[in-house]
Amino acid sequence: MIEAQALTRRYGDFTAVRDVSFSVPSGEILGILGPNGAGKTTTIRMITGFLPPSRGRVTVNGRDLFTEPGKARRDLGYLPETVALYPEMRVREYLAYRARLQGMRRADAGGAIGDTVERCLLAEVEHQIIGTLSKGYRQRVGLAAAILHQPRVLVLDEPTVGLDPKQIIAIRELIRELGRDRTLLLSTHILPEVEQLCQRVLIIDRGRIIADGTPAELRHQARGNPLLDVTVKDAPPEAAEALSQIPGVVGLRPDEAGGGRFRIECGAGDDLREAVFRTAVDKGWVLLELSEKKASLEDIFIRLTAEAFAADDTESPEGLPPPEAPSAEAPSETESGEAAS
């Protein structure tokens, strides 16, 4: 449904994004992750048509975004991180204006606006002036404008920022619903949100894709030594030493909060749960916890970006430069938001 081919963006001698390629089929929700300055926002701007690439191309439903922008944009909706709205307009008035910009017929626009207002939980404020709305409501107005013309591809940049917990749950449910028959690209810093919503994850660092796969595939790819979480009731002072002496233990870290909790790093492929249990029985300890720790998406993200950074440090000066720095030629976040509206 949407495909990026060898996207590259340069600002003078600085390369913000280098040879980024990926495709997303219909019905898939793709999470896009990256540290600040990694080139993630630049990539999003290119795949939504708000920033031309120095090299490469983007196609939406088979149409080139830059040679056939009108047709390609009909299938594309975009919610930028910074939503630029007209504060003097009322919510429903603004959505009607956006419908006209999208070329929607008046007969179709009325029904689409009513449906979108309900889906985005805006019924209470649809006749209110946008300038008087909270940040959370403004975010929902931006999302409503992005989905109003029923695009087949939807790009959401930090869609739940500024929302309260109840609103976050509602918007996540809406994202799941939209993802059933659309292609969704979700950029967020909330890693649990990616794990809950996305079938696939793309991690960008220093202008390149460093990982692409399902959360389970990335977990397998980034898996290091097995870890065990152990809690010993009323742990004696010698507990740490006894645990560290178990054959196969390569590292042990007491919990900073105390309470007899330990994180044990096992040798590659070792399952030491039975050995830890037998040690506790021999010592007369009461085990309150003995569990394997599976790598979270946050663990994977930190490990992969650290590995990519270390690898780049060994490259020649021809490699990628440090993370994105301000450039006179690079549009600011505010400019990106203004363009999106």
C-alpha atoms as a PDB file:
ATOM      1  CA  MET A   1       0.000   0.000   0.000  1.00  0.00           C
ATOM      2  CA  ILE A   2       2.868   2.387   0.821  1.00  0.00           C
ATOM      3  CA  GLU A   3       6.455   1.836  -0.205  1.00  0.00           C
ATOM      4  CA  ALA A   4       9.642   3.832   0.378  1.00  0.00           C
ATOM      5  CA  GLN A   5      12.560   3.123  -1.914  1.00  0.00           C
ATOM      6  CA  ALA A   6      16.105   4.242  -1.034  1.00  0.00           C
ATOM      7  CA  LEU A   7      14.964   7.477   0.606  1.00  0.00           C
ATOM      8  CA  THR A   8      17.851   9.853   1.237  1.00  0.00           C
ATOM      9  CA  ARG A   9      17.726  13.413   2.508  1.00  0.00           C
ATOM     10  CA  ARG A  10      20.726  15.728   2.668  1.00  0.00           C
ATOM     11  CA  TYR A  11      21.132  19.220   4.070  1.00  0.00           C
ATOM     12  CA  GLY A  12      24.311  20.419   2.444  1.00  0.00           C
ATOM     13  CA  ASP A  13      27.071  18.056   3.577  1.00  0.00           C
ATOM     14  CA  PHE A  14      24.886  16.570   6.304  1.00  0.00           C
ATOM     15  CA  THR A  15      22.934  13.370   5.549  1.00  0.00           C
ATOM     16  CA  ALA A  16      19.870  13.147   7.787  1.00  0.00           C
ATOM     17  CA  VAL A  17      18.446   9.984   6.186  1.00  0.00           C
ATOM     18  CA  ARG A  18      20.372   7.469   4.087  1.00  0.00           C
ATOM     19  CA  ASP A  19      18.873   4.770   1.814  1.00  0.00           C
ATOM     20  CA  VAL A  20      15.766   4.009   3.876  1.00  0.00           C
ATOM     21  CA  SER A  21      13.571   1.395   2.184  1.00  0.00           C
ATOM     22  CA  PHE A  22      10.486  -0.408   3.483  1.00  0.00           C
ATOM     23  CA  SER A  23       6.946  -1.312   2.462  1.00  0.00           C
ATOM     24  CA  VAL A  24       3.738  -1.657   4.454  1.00  0.00           C
ATOM     25  CA  PRO A  25       0.797  -3.734   3.163  1.00  0.00           C
ATOM     26  CA  SER A  26      -2.862  -2.948   3.693  1.00  0.00           C
ATOM     27  CA  GLY A  27      -4.172  -3.751   7.143  1.00  0.00           C
ATOM     28  CA  GLU A  28      -0.788  -3.595   8.899  1.00  0.00           C
ATOM     29  CA  ILE A  29       0.072  -1.199  11.719  1.00  0.00           C
ATOM     30  CA  LEU A  30       3.768  -0.349  11.555  1.00  0.00           C
ATOM     31  CA  GLY A  31       5.478   1.298  14.524  1.00  0.00           C
ATOM     32  CA  ILE A  32       8.345   3.662  13.712  1.00  0.00           C
ATOM     33  CA  LEU A  33      10.833   4.196  16.529  1.00  0.00           C
ATOM     34  CA  GLY A  34      14.047   6.145  16.843  1.00  0.00           C
ATOM     35  CA  PRO A  35      16.009   8.273  19.322  1.00  0.00           C
ATOM     36  CA  ASN A  36      15.769  12.042  19.092  1.00  0.00           C
ATOM     37  CA  GLY A  37      17.748  13.237  16.084  1.00  0.00           C
ATOM     38  CA  ALA A  38      17.811   9.791  14.450  1.00  0.00           C
ATOM     39  CA  GLY A  39      16.117  10.902  11.207  1.00  0.00           C
ATOM     40  CA  LYS A  40      12.681   9.561  12.109  1.00  0.00           C
ATOM     41  CA  THR A  41      10.821  12.859  11.696  1.00  0.00           C
ATOM     42  CA  THR A  42      12.622  13.564   8.422  1.00  0.00           C
ATOM     43  CA  THR A  43      11.575  10.144   7.148  1.00  0.00           C
ATOM     44  CA  ILE A  44       7.952  10.775   8.140  1.00  0.00           C
ATOM     45  CA  ARG A  45       7.955  14.134   6.366  1.00  0.00           C
ATOM     46  CA  MET A  46       9.213  12.476   3.182  1.00  0.00           C
ATOM     47  CA  ILE A  47       6.709   9.611   3.203  1.00  0.00           C
ATOM     48  CA  THR A  48       3.858  12.088   3.707  1.00  0.00           C
ATOM     49  CA  GLY A  49       5.015  14.368   0.893  1.00  0.00           C
ATOM     50  CA  PHE A  50       5.850  17.412   3.021  1.00  0.00           C
ATOM     51  CA  LEU A  51       9.570  17.151   2.346  1.00  0.00           C
ATOM     52  CA  PRO A  52      11.043  16.043  -0.990  1.00  0.00           C
ATOM     53  CA  PRO A  53      13.831  13.453  -0.773  1.00  0.00           C
ATOM     54  CA  SER A  54      17.266  14.207  -2.160  1.00  0.00           C
ATOM     55  CA  ARG A  55      17.049  10.741  -3.686  1.00  0.00           C
ATOM     56  CA  GLY A  56      14.557   7.885  -3.724  1.00  0.00           C
ATOM     57  CA  ARG A  57      10.793   7.672  -4.129  1.00  0.00           C
ATOM     58  CA  VAL A  58       7.584   6.994  -2.242  1.00  0.00           C
ATOM     59  CA  THR A  59       4.539   5.280  -3.727  1.00  0.00           C
ATOM     60  CA  VAL A  60       1.064   5.215  -2.182  1.00  0.00           C
ATOM     61  CA  ASN A  61      -1.258   2.583  -3.641  1.00  0.00           C
ATOM     62  CA  GLY A  62       1.061   2.374  -6.647  1.00  0.00           C
ATOM     63  CA  ARG A  63       1.165   6.131  -7.301  1.00  0.00           C
ATOM     64  CA  ASP A  64       4.349   8.133  -6.960  1.00  0.00           C
ATOM     65  CA  LEU A  65       3.911  10.733  -4.222  1.00  0.00           C
ATOM     66  CA  PHE A  66       5.976  13.365  -6.005  1.00  0.00           C
ATOM     67  CA  THR A  67       5.120  12.826  -9.692  1.00  0.00           C
ATOM     68  CA  GLU A  68       1.386  12.217  -9.020  1.00  0.00           C
ATOM     69  CA  PRO A  69       0.889  14.133  -5.766  1.00  0.00           C
ATOM     70  CA  GLY A  70      -2.824  14.844  -6.208  1.00  0.00           C
ATOM     71  CA  LYS A  71      -3.845  11.223  -6.724  1.00  0.00           C
ATOM     72  CA  ALA A  72      -1.419   9.836  -4.153  1.00  0.00           C
ATOM     73  CA  ARG A  73      -2.488  12.275  -1.432  1.00  0.00           C
ATOM     74  CA  ARG A  74      -6.126  11.217  -1.751  1.00  0.00           C
ATOM     75  CA  ASP A  75      -5.096   7.924  -0.178  1.00  0.00           C
ATOM     76  CA  LEU A  76      -2.942   9.535   2.525  1.00  0.00           C
ATOM     77  CA  GLY A  77      -3.841  11.040   5.897  1.00  0.00           C
ATOM     78  CA  TYR A  78      -1.281  12.637   8.212  1.00  0.00           C
ATOM     79  CA  LEU A  79      -1.375  13.718  11.837  1.00  0.00           C
ATOM     80  CA  PRO A  80       1.847  15.598  12.678  1.00  0.00           C
ATOM     81  CA  GLU A  81       3.232  15.756  16.193  1.00  0.00           C
ATOM     82  CA  THR A  82       2.599  19.508  16.278  1.00  0.00           C
ATOM     83  CA  VAL A  83      -0.958  20.017  15.057  1.00  0.00           C
ATOM     84  CA  ALA A  84      -1.458  23.413  13.426  1.00  0.00           C
ATOM     85  CA  LEU A  85      -5.123  24.468  13.533  1.00  0.00           C
ATOM     86  CA  TYR A  86      -7.086  27.669  12.960  1.00  0.00           C
ATOM     87  CA  PRO A  87      -7.866  28.805  16.526  1.00  0.00           C
ATOM     88  CA  GLU A  88     -10.629  31.210  15.465  1.00  0.00           C
ATOM     89  CA  MET A  89     -12.684  28.485  13.742  1.00  0.00           C
ATOM     90  CA  ARG A  90     -15.192  26.156  15.363  1.00  0.00           C
ATOM     91  CA  VAL A  91     -14.455  22.424  15.267  1.00  0.00           C
ATOM     92  CA  ARG A  92     -17.200  21.473  12.825  1.00  0.00           C
ATOM     93  CA  GLU A  93     -16.475  24.536  10.688  1.00  0.00           C
ATOM     94  CA  TYR A  94     -12.801  23.550  10.494  1.00  0.00           C
ATOM     95  CA  LEU A  95     -13.632  19.984   9.474  1.00  0.00           C
ATOM     96  CA  ALA A  96     -15.953  21.303   6.755  1.00  0.00           C
ATOM     97  CA  TYR A  97     -13.081  23.469   5.517  1.00  0.00           C
ATOM     98  CA  ARG A  98     -10.747  20.473   5.456  1.00  0.00           C
ATOM     99  CA  ALA A  99     -13.368  18.475   3.558  1.00  0.00           C
ATOM    100  CA  ARG A 100     -13.433  21.166   0.852  1.00  0.00           C
ATOM    101  CA  LEU A 101      -9.626  21.105   0.663  1.00  0.00           C
ATOM    102  CA  GLN A 102      -9.804  17.339   0.104  1.00  0.00           C
ATOM    103  CA  GLY A 103     -12.243  17.861  -2.766  1.00  0.00           C
ATOM    104  CA  MET A 104     -15.119  16.092  -1.022  1.00  0.00           C
ATOM    105  CA  ARG A 105     -18.611  16.703  -2.362  1.00  0.00           C
ATOM    106  CA  ARG A 106     -20.903  18.671  -0.053  1.00  0.00           C
ATOM    107  CA  ALA A 107     -23.384  15.759  -0.001  1.00  0.00           C
ATOM    108  CA  ASP A 108     -20.642  13.401   1.244  1.00  0.00           C
ATOM    109  CA  ALA A 109     -18.920  15.833   3.587  1.00  0.00           C
ATOM    110  CA  GLY A 110     -21.807  16.248   6.026  1.00  0.00           C
ATOM    111  CA  GLY A 111     -22.098  12.545   6.790  1.00  0.00           C
ATOM    112  CA  ALA A 112     -18.309  12.105   6.927  1.00  0.00           C
ATOM    113  CA  ILE A 113     -17.956  14.985   9.397  1.00  0.00           C
ATOM    114  CA  GLY A 114     -20.679  13.603  11.663  1.00  0.00           C
ATOM    115  CA  ASP A 115     -19.117  10.138  11.658  1.00  0.00           C
ATOM    116  CA  THR A 116     -15.623  11.501  12.294  1.00  0.00           C
ATOM    117  CA  VAL A 117     -16.806  13.709  15.163  1.00  0.00           C
ATOM    118  CA  GLU A 118     -18.282  10.655  16.868  1.00  0.00           C
ATOM    119  CA  ARG A 119     -15.270   8.406  16.255  1.00  0.00           C
ATOM    120  CA  CYS A 120     -12.828  10.985  17.602  1.00  0.00           C
ATOM    121  CA  LEU A 121     -14.953  11.792  20.668  1.00  0.00           C
ATOM    122  CA  LEU A 122     -15.563  15.401  19.659  1.00  0.00           C
ATOM    123  CA  ALA A 123     -19.364  15.581  19.973  1.00  0.00           C
ATOM    124  CA  GLU A 124     -19.169  17.655  23.173  1.00  0.00           C
ATOM    125  CA  VAL A 125     -17.056  20.368  21.542  1.00  0.00           C
ATOM    126  CA  GLU A 126     -18.018  20.261  17.852  1.00  0.00           C
ATOM    127  CA  HIS A 127     -19.477  23.798  18.000  1.00  0.00           C
ATOM    128  CA  GLN A 128     -16.731  25.193  20.224  1.00  0.00           C
ATOM    129  CA  ILE A 129     -14.003  27.563  19.026  1.00  0.00           C
ATOM    130  CA  ILE A 130     -10.749  25.636  18.569  1.00  0.00           C
ATOM    131  CA  GLY A 131      -8.700  28.254  20.403  1.00  0.00           C
ATOM    132  CA  THR A 132     -10.599  27.476  23.611  1.00  0.00           C
ATOM    133  CA  LEU A 133      -9.926  23.722  23.488  1.00  0.00           C
ATOM    134  CA  SER A 134      -7.476  21.804  25.652  1.00  0.00           C
ATOM    135  CA  LYS A 135      -4.383  20.247  24.094  1.00  0.00           C
ATOM    136  CA  GLY A 136      -6.021  16.839  24.176  1.00  0.00           C
ATOM    137  CA  TYR A 137      -9.074  18.008  22.266  1.00  0.00           C
ATOM    138  CA  ARG A 138      -6.893  19.809  19.728  1.00  0.00           C
ATOM    139  CA  GLN A 139      -5.038  16.548  19.157  1.00  0.00           C
ATOM    140  CA  ARG A 140      -8.320  14.810  18.462  1.00  0.00           C
ATOM    141  CA  VAL A 141      -9.377  17.553  16.041  1.00  0.00           C
ATOM    142  CA  GLY A 142      -6.114  16.955  14.161  1.00  0.00           C
ATOM    143  CA  LEU A 143      -6.809  13.219  14.048  1.00  0.00           C
ATOM    144  CA  ALA A 144     -10.349  13.871  12.818  1.00  0.00           C
ATOM    145  CA  ALA A 145      -9.000  16.028   9.997  1.00  0.00           C
ATOM    146  CA  ALA A 146      -6.510  13.291   9.055  1.00  0.00           C
ATOM    147  CA  ILE A 147      -9.153  10.566   8.703  1.00  0.00           C
ATOM    148  CA  LEU A 148     -12.015  12.723   7.392  1.00  0.00           C
ATOM    149  CA  HIS A 149     -11.525  11.788   3.719  1.00  0.00           C
ATOM    150  CA  GLN A 150     -11.175   8.091   4.645  1.00  0.00           C
ATOM    151  CA  PRO A 151      -7.579   7.637   3.459  1.00  0.00           C
ATOM    152  CA  ARG A 152      -6.239   4.142   2.854  1.00  0.00           C
ATOM    153  CA  VAL A 153      -2.883   5.063   4.439  1.00  0.00           C
ATOM    154  CA  LEU A 154      -2.698   6.929   7.734  1.00  0.00           C
ATOM    155  CA  VAL A 155       0.505   8.316   9.271  1.00  0.00           C
ATOM    156  CA  LEU A 156       0.243   9.272  12.939  1.00  0.00           C
ATOM    157  CA  ASP A 157       3.089  11.088  14.678  1.00  0.00           C
ATOM    158  CA  GLU A 158       2.690  10.894  18.483  1.00  0.00           C
ATOM    159  CA  PRO A 159      -1.141  10.604  18.303  1.00  0.00           C
ATOM    160  CA  THR A 160      -1.743  10.289  22.063  1.00  0.00           C
ATOM    161  CA  VAL A 161       0.516  13.109  23.233  1.00  0.00           C
ATOM    162  CA  GLY A 162      -1.258  15.423  25.661  1.00  0.00           C
ATOM    163  CA  LEU A 163      -4.236  13.116  26.256  1.00  0.00           C
ATOM    164  CA  ASP A 164      -5.484  11.954  29.632  1.00  0.00           C
ATOM    165  CA  PRO A 165      -5.541   8.190  30.391  1.00  0.00           C
ATOM    166  CA  LYS A 166      -9.215   7.781  29.436  1.00  0.00           C
ATOM    167  CA  GLN A 167      -8.682   9.575  26.136  1.00  0.00           C
ATOM    168  CA  ILE A 168      -5.531   7.532  25.418  1.00  0.00           C
ATOM    169  CA  ILE A 169      -7.488   4.293  25.778  1.00  0.00           C
ATOM    170  CA  ALA A 170     -10.207   5.600  23.434  1.00  0.00           C
ATOM    171  CA  ILE A 171      -7.730   6.787  20.782  1.00  0.00           C
ATOM    172  CA  ARG A 172      -5.806   3.497  20.927  1.00  0.00           C
ATOM    173  CA  GLU A 173      -9.047   1.618  20.330  1.00  0.00           C
ATOM    174  CA  LEU A 174      -9.756   3.913  17.375  1.00  0.00           C
ATOM    175  CA  ILE A 175      -6.271   3.240  15.974  1.00  0.00           C
ATOM    176  CA  ARG A 176      -6.874  -0.525  16.238  1.00  0.00           C
ATOM    177  CA  GLU A 177     -10.193  -0.114  14.449  1.00  0.00           C
ATOM    178  CA  LEU A 178      -8.667   2.018  11.691  1.00  0.00           C
ATOM    179  CA  GLY A 179      -5.871  -0.510  11.248  1.00  0.00           C
ATOM    180  CA  ARG A 180      -8.275  -3.322  10.347  1.00  0.00           C
ATOM    181  CA  ASP A 181      -8.821  -2.030   6.821  1.00  0.00           C
ATOM    182  CA  ARG A 182      -6.089   0.582   6.407  1.00  0.00           C
ATOM    183  CA  THR A 183      -2.339   0.843   6.417  1.00  0.00           C
ATOM    184  CA  LEU A 184      -1.157   2.690   9.530  1.00  0.00           C
ATOM    185  CA  LEU A 185       2.266   4.078  10.339  1.00  0.00           C
ATOM    186  CA  LEU A 186       2.548   5.022  14.000  1.00  0.00           C
ATOM    187  CA  SER A 187       5.448   7.048  15.340  1.00  0.00           C
ATOM    188  CA  THR A 188       5.586   7.316  19.125  1.00  0.00           C
ATOM    189  CA  HIS A 189       7.983   7.520  22.051  1.00  0.00           C
ATOM    190  CA  ILE A 190       5.613   5.434  24.186  1.00  0.00           C
ATOM    191  CA  LEU A 191       7.108   1.971  23.699  1.00  0.00           C
ATOM    192  CA  PRO A 192       4.297   0.050  25.445  1.00  0.00           C
ATOM    193  CA  GLU A 193       1.943   1.720  22.961  1.00  0.00           C
ATOM    194  CA  VAL A 194       3.907   0.183  20.098  1.00  0.00           C
ATOM    195  CA  GLU A 195       3.786  -3.258  21.722  1.00  0.00           C
ATOM    196  CA  GLN A 196       0.019  -2.971  22.185  1.00  0.00           C
ATOM    197  CA  LEU A 197      -0.853  -1.661  18.721  1.00  0.00           C
ATOM    198  CA  CYS A 198       1.762  -2.620  16.141  1.00  0.00           C
ATOM    199  CA  GLN A 199       2.222  -5.888  14.280  1.00  0.00           C
ATOM    200  CA  ARG A 200       5.630  -4.732  13.045  1.00  0.00           C
ATOM    201  CA  VAL A 201       8.324  -2.337  14.235  1.00  0.00           C
ATOM    202  CA  LEU A 202      10.867  -0.273  12.323  1.00  0.00           C
ATOM    203  CA  ILE A 203      13.767   1.221  14.309  1.00  0.00           C
ATOM    204  CA  ILE A 204      15.693   4.112  12.738  1.00  0.00           C
ATOM    205  CA  ASP A 205      18.975   5.383  14.147  1.00  0.00           C
ATOM    206  CA  ARG A 206      21.564   7.766  12.706  1.00  0.00           C
ATOM    207  CA  GLY A 207      19.585   8.010   9.487  1.00  0.00           C
ATOM    208  CA  ARG A 208      19.347   4.272   8.756  1.00  0.00           C
ATOM    209  CA  ILE A 209      17.038   1.364   9.469  1.00  0.00           C
ATOM    210  CA  ILE A 210      18.752  -0.786  12.093  1.00  0.00           C
ATOM    211  CA  ALA A 211      15.882  -3.208  12.767  1.00  0.00           C
ATOM    212  CA  ASP A 212      12.683  -4.288  11.022  1.00  0.00           C
ATOM    213  CA  GLY A 213      10.385  -7.051  12.237  1.00  0.00           C
ATOM    214  CA  THR A 214       7.636  -8.090  14.588  1.00  0.00           C
ATOM    215  CA  PRO A 215       8.220  -7.456  18.315  1.00  0.00           C
ATOM    216  CA  ALA A 216       8.803 -11.214  18.720  1.00  0.00           C
ATOM    217  CA  GLU A 217      11.367 -11.260  15.890  1.00  0.00           C
ATOM    218  CA  LEU A 218      13.205  -8.256  17.345  1.00  0.00           C
ATOM    219  CA  ARG A 219      13.157  -9.917  20.756  1.00  0.00           C
ATOM    220  CA  HIS A 220      14.828 -12.976  19.263  1.00  0.00           C
ATOM    221  CA  GLN A 221      17.312 -10.882  17.276  1.00  0.00           C
ATOM    222  CA  ALA A 222      18.369  -8.744  20.234  1.00  0.00           C
ATOM    223  CA  ARG A 223      18.242 -11.473  22.850  1.00  0.00           C
ATOM    224  CA  GLY A 224      21.318 -11.543  25.054  1.00  0.00           C
ATOM    225  CA  ASN A 225      22.008 -13.832  28.005  1.00  0.00           C
ATOM    226  CA  PRO A 226      18.937 -15.163  29.850  1.00  0.00           C
ATOM    227  CA  LEU A 227      17.894 -13.178  32.913  1.00  0.00           C
ATOM    228  CA  LEU A 228      16.187 -14.295  36.129  1.00  0.00           C
ATOM    229  CA  ASP A 229      14.414 -12.142  38.697  1.00  0.00           C
ATOM    230  CA  VAL A 230      14.790 -13.627  42.183  1.00  0.00           C
ATOM    231  CA  THR A 231      13.318 -12.405  45.465  1.00  0.00           C
ATOM    232  CA  VAL A 232      14.380 -13.984  48.748  1.00  0.00           C
ATOM    233  CA  LYS A 233      12.282 -13.288  51.844  1.00  0.00           C
ATOM    234  CA  ASP A 234      14.357 -11.654  54.585  1.00  0.00           C
ATOM    235  CA  ALA A 235      17.488 -12.284  52.495  1.00  0.00           C
ATOM    236  CA  PRO A 236      20.596 -12.775  54.650  1.00  0.00           C
ATOM    237  CA  PRO A 237      23.753 -10.768  53.850  1.00  0.00           C
ATOM    238  CA  GLU A 238      25.407 -13.798  52.230  1.00  0.00           C
ATOM    239  CA  ALA A 239      22.538 -14.350  49.749  1.00  0.00           C
ATOM    240  CA  ALA A 240      24.161 -12.400  46.926  1.00  0.00           C
ATOM    241  CA  GLU A 241      27.439 -14.291  47.280  1.00  0.00           C
ATOM    242  CA  ALA A 242      25.665 -17.679  47.380  1.00  0.00           C
ATOM    243  CA  LEU A 243      23.632 -16.925  44.264  1.00  0.00           C
ATOM    244  CA  SER A 244      26.645 -15.647  42.355  1.00  0.00           C
ATOM    245  CA  GLN A 245      28.487 -18.928  43.062  1.00  0.00           C
ATOM    246  CA  ILE A 246      25.871 -21.057  41.248  1.00  0.00           C
ATOM    247  CA  PRO A 247      27.524 -22.621  38.157  1.00  0.00           C
ATOM    248  CA  GLY A 248      26.362 -20.786  35.044  1.00  0.00           C
ATOM    249  CA  VAL A 249      25.765 -17.411  36.708  1.00  0.00           C
ATOM    250  CA  VAL A 250      27.747 -14.750  34.843  1.00  0.00           C
ATOM    251  CA  GLY A 251      26.385 -11.704  36.649  1.00  0.00           C
ATOM    252  CA  LEU A 252      24.250 -10.666  39.593  1.00  0.00           C
ATOM    253  CA  ARG A 253      22.785  -7.277  40.467  1.00  0.00           C
ATOM    254  CA  PRO A 254      20.881  -6.577  43.701  1.00  0.00           C
ATOM    255  CA  ASP A 255      17.819  -4.375  43.335  1.00  0.00           C
ATOM    256  CA  GLU A 256      18.625  -0.796  44.372  1.00  0.00           C
ATOM    257  CA  ALA A 257      15.505  -0.733  46.538  1.00  0.00           C
ATOM    258  CA  GLY A 258      16.678  -3.784  48.442  1.00  0.00           C
ATOM    259  CA  GLY A 259      14.025  -6.173  49.713  1.00  0.00           C
ATOM    260  CA  GLY A 260      16.029  -9.252  48.803  1.00  0.00           C
ATOM    261  CA  ARG A 261      15.521  -8.828  45.060  1.00  0.00           C
ATOM    262  CA  PHE A 262      18.241  -9.819  42.592  1.00  0.00           C
ATOM    263  CA  ARG A 263      18.659  -9.801  38.817  1.00  0.00           C
ATOM    264  CA  ILE A 264      20.730 -12.822  37.714  1.00  0.00           C
ATOM    265  CA  GLU A 265      22.381 -13.012  34.298  1.00  0.00           C
ATOM    266  CA  CYS A 266      22.811 -16.603  33.145  1.00  0.00           C
ATOM    267  CA  GLY A 267      25.217 -18.007  30.607  1.00  0.00           C
ATOM    268  CA  ALA A 268      23.992 -18.252  27.014  1.00  0.00           C
ATOM    269  CA  GLY A 269      21.342 -20.958  26.736  1.00  0.00           C
ATOM    270  CA  ASP A 270      21.390 -21.767  30.476  1.00  0.00           C
ATOM    271  CA  ASP A 271      18.183 -22.198  32.478  1.00  0.00           C
ATOM    272  CA  LEU A 272      19.220 -21.848  36.105  1.00  0.00           C
ATOM    273  CA  ARG A 273      15.798 -21.771  37.751  1.00  0.00           C
ATOM    274  CA  GLU A 274      16.168 -25.269  39.178  1.00  0.00           C
ATOM    275  CA  ALA A 275      19.678 -24.504  40.460  1.00  0.00           C
ATOM    276  CA  VAL A 276      18.467 -21.314  42.146  1.00  0.00           C
ATOM    277  CA  PHE A 277      15.530 -23.214  43.684  1.00  0.00           C
ATOM    278  CA  ARG A 278      17.819 -25.961  45.056  1.00  0.00           C
ATOM    279  CA  THR A 279      20.198 -23.347  46.498  1.00  0.00           C
ATOM    280  CA  ALA A 280      17.282 -21.690  48.278  1.00  0.00           C
ATOM    281  CA  VAL A 281      16.137 -25.064  49.708  1.00  0.00           C
ATOM    282  CA  ASP A 282      19.672 -25.923  50.875  1.00  0.00           C
ATOM    283  CA  LYS A 283      20.026 -22.531  52.562  1.00  0.00           C
ATOM    284  CA  GLY A 284      16.550 -22.597  54.090  1.00  0.00           C
ATOM    285  CA  TRP A 285      15.428 -19.476  52.212  1.00  0.00           C
ATOM    286  CA  VAL A 286      11.862 -18.681  51.259  1.00  0.00           C
ATOM    287  CA  LEU A 287      11.621 -17.757  47.575  1.00  0.00           C
ATOM    288  CA  LEU A 288       8.972 -15.123  46.845  1.00  0.00           C
ATOM    289  CA  GLU A 289       9.884 -14.823  43.177  1.00  0.00           C
ATOM    290  CA  LEU A 290      11.772 -16.888  40.610  1.00  0.00           C
ATOM    291  CA  SER A 291      10.923 -15.841  37.072  1.00  0.00           C
ATOM    292  CA  GLU A 292      12.470 -15.419  33.665  1.00  0.00           C
ATOM    293  CA  LYS A 293      12.635 -11.866  32.402  1.00  0.00           C
ATOM    294  CA  LYS A 294      11.692 -11.457  28.757  1.00  0.00           C
ATOM    295  CA  ALA A 295      13.209  -8.543  26.927  1.00  0.00           C
ATOM    296  CA  SER A 296      10.764  -5.649  26.573  1.00  0.00           C
ATOM    297  CA  LEU A 297      10.641  -3.453  23.503  1.00  0.00           C
ATOM    298  CA  GLU A 298      12.450  -0.829  25.563  1.00  0.00           C
ATOM    299  CA  ASP A 299      15.283  -3.305  26.264  1.00  0.00           C
ATOM    300  CA  ILE A 300      15.491  -4.144  22.558  1.00  0.00           C
ATOM    301  CA  PHE A 301      15.412  -0.481  21.529  1.00  0.00           C
ATOM    302  CA  ILE A 302      18.213   0.469  23.916  1.00  0.00           C
ATOM    303  CA  ARG A 303      20.362  -2.506  22.936  1.00  0.00           C
ATOM    304  CA  LEU A 304      19.995  -2.070  19.169  1.00  0.00           C
ATOM    305  CA  THR A 305      20.597   1.682  19.180  1.00  0.00           C
ATOM    306  CA  ALA A 306      23.640   1.214  21.436  1.00  0.00           C
ATOM    307  CA  GLU A 307      25.007  -1.435  19.057  1.00  0.00           C
ATOM    308  CA  ALA A 308      24.400   0.809  16.059  1.00  0.00           C
ATOM    309  CA  PHE A 309      26.170   3.700  17.794  1.00  0.00           C
ATOM    310  CA  ALA A 310      29.159   1.504  18.630  1.00  0.00           C
ATOM    311  CA  ALA A 311      29.320   0.215  15.060  1.00  0.00           C
ATOM    312  CA  ASP A 312      29.206   3.741  13.637  1.00  0.00           C
ATOM    313  CA  ASP A 313      32.061   4.810  15.903  1.00  0.00           C
ATOM    314  CA  THR A 314      34.279   2.294  14.089  1.00  0.00           C
ATOM    315  CA  GLU A 315      33.353   3.540  10.611  1.00  0.00           C
ATOM    316  CA  SER A 316      35.455   5.826   8.476  1.00  0.00           C
ATOM    317  CA  PRO A 317      34.609   9.541   8.121  1.00  0.00           C
ATOM    318  CA  GLU A 318      32.624   8.497   5.032  1.00  0.00           C
ATOM    319  CA  GLY A 319      29.985   6.990   7.368  1.00  0.00           C
ATOM    320  CA  LEU A 320      26.996   8.766   8.814  1.00  0.00           C
ATOM    321  CA  PRO A 321      27.581  11.917  10.856  1.00  0.00           C
ATOM    322  CA  PRO A 322      26.344  12.332  14.429  1.00  0.00           C
ATOM    323  CA  PRO A 323      22.585  12.608  15.059  1.00  0.00           C
ATOM    324  CA  GLU A 324      20.629  15.385  13.389  1.00  0.00           C
ATOM    325  CA  ALA A 325      21.788  18.877  14.112  1.00  0.00           C
ATOM    326  CA  PRO A 326      19.867  22.090  13.365  1.00  0.00           C
ATOM    327  CA  SER A 327      20.312  23.254   9.815  1.00  0.00           C
ATOM    328  CA  ALA A 328      19.261  26.450   8.115  1.00  0.00           C
ATOM    329  CA  GLU A 329      17.841  24.353   5.300  1.00  0.00           C
ATOM    330  CA  ALA A 330      15.930  21.962   7.565  1.00  0.00           C
ATOM    331  CA  PRO A 331      12.335  22.920   8.421  1.00  0.00           C
ATOM    332  CA  SER A 332      11.514  23.223  12.095  1.00  0.00           C
ATOM    333  CA  GLU A 333       8.906  21.109  13.878  1.00  0.00           C
ATOM    334  CA  THR A 334       6.553  24.093  13.855  1.00  0.00           C
ATOM    335  CA  GLU A 335       6.970  24.527  10.110  1.00  0.00           C
ATOM    336  CA  SER A 336       6.202  20.838   9.650  1.00  0.00           C
ATOM    337  CA  GLY A 337       2.988  21.200  11.596  1.00  0.00           C
ATOM    338  CA  GLU A 338       1.936  24.279   9.638  1.00  0.00           C
ATOM    339  CA  ALA A 339       2.509  22.507   6.358  1.00  0.00           C
ATOM    340  CA  ALA A 340       0.429  19.571   7.502  1.00  0.00           C
ATOM    341  CA  SER A 341      -2.621  21.662   8.156  1.00  0.00           C
END
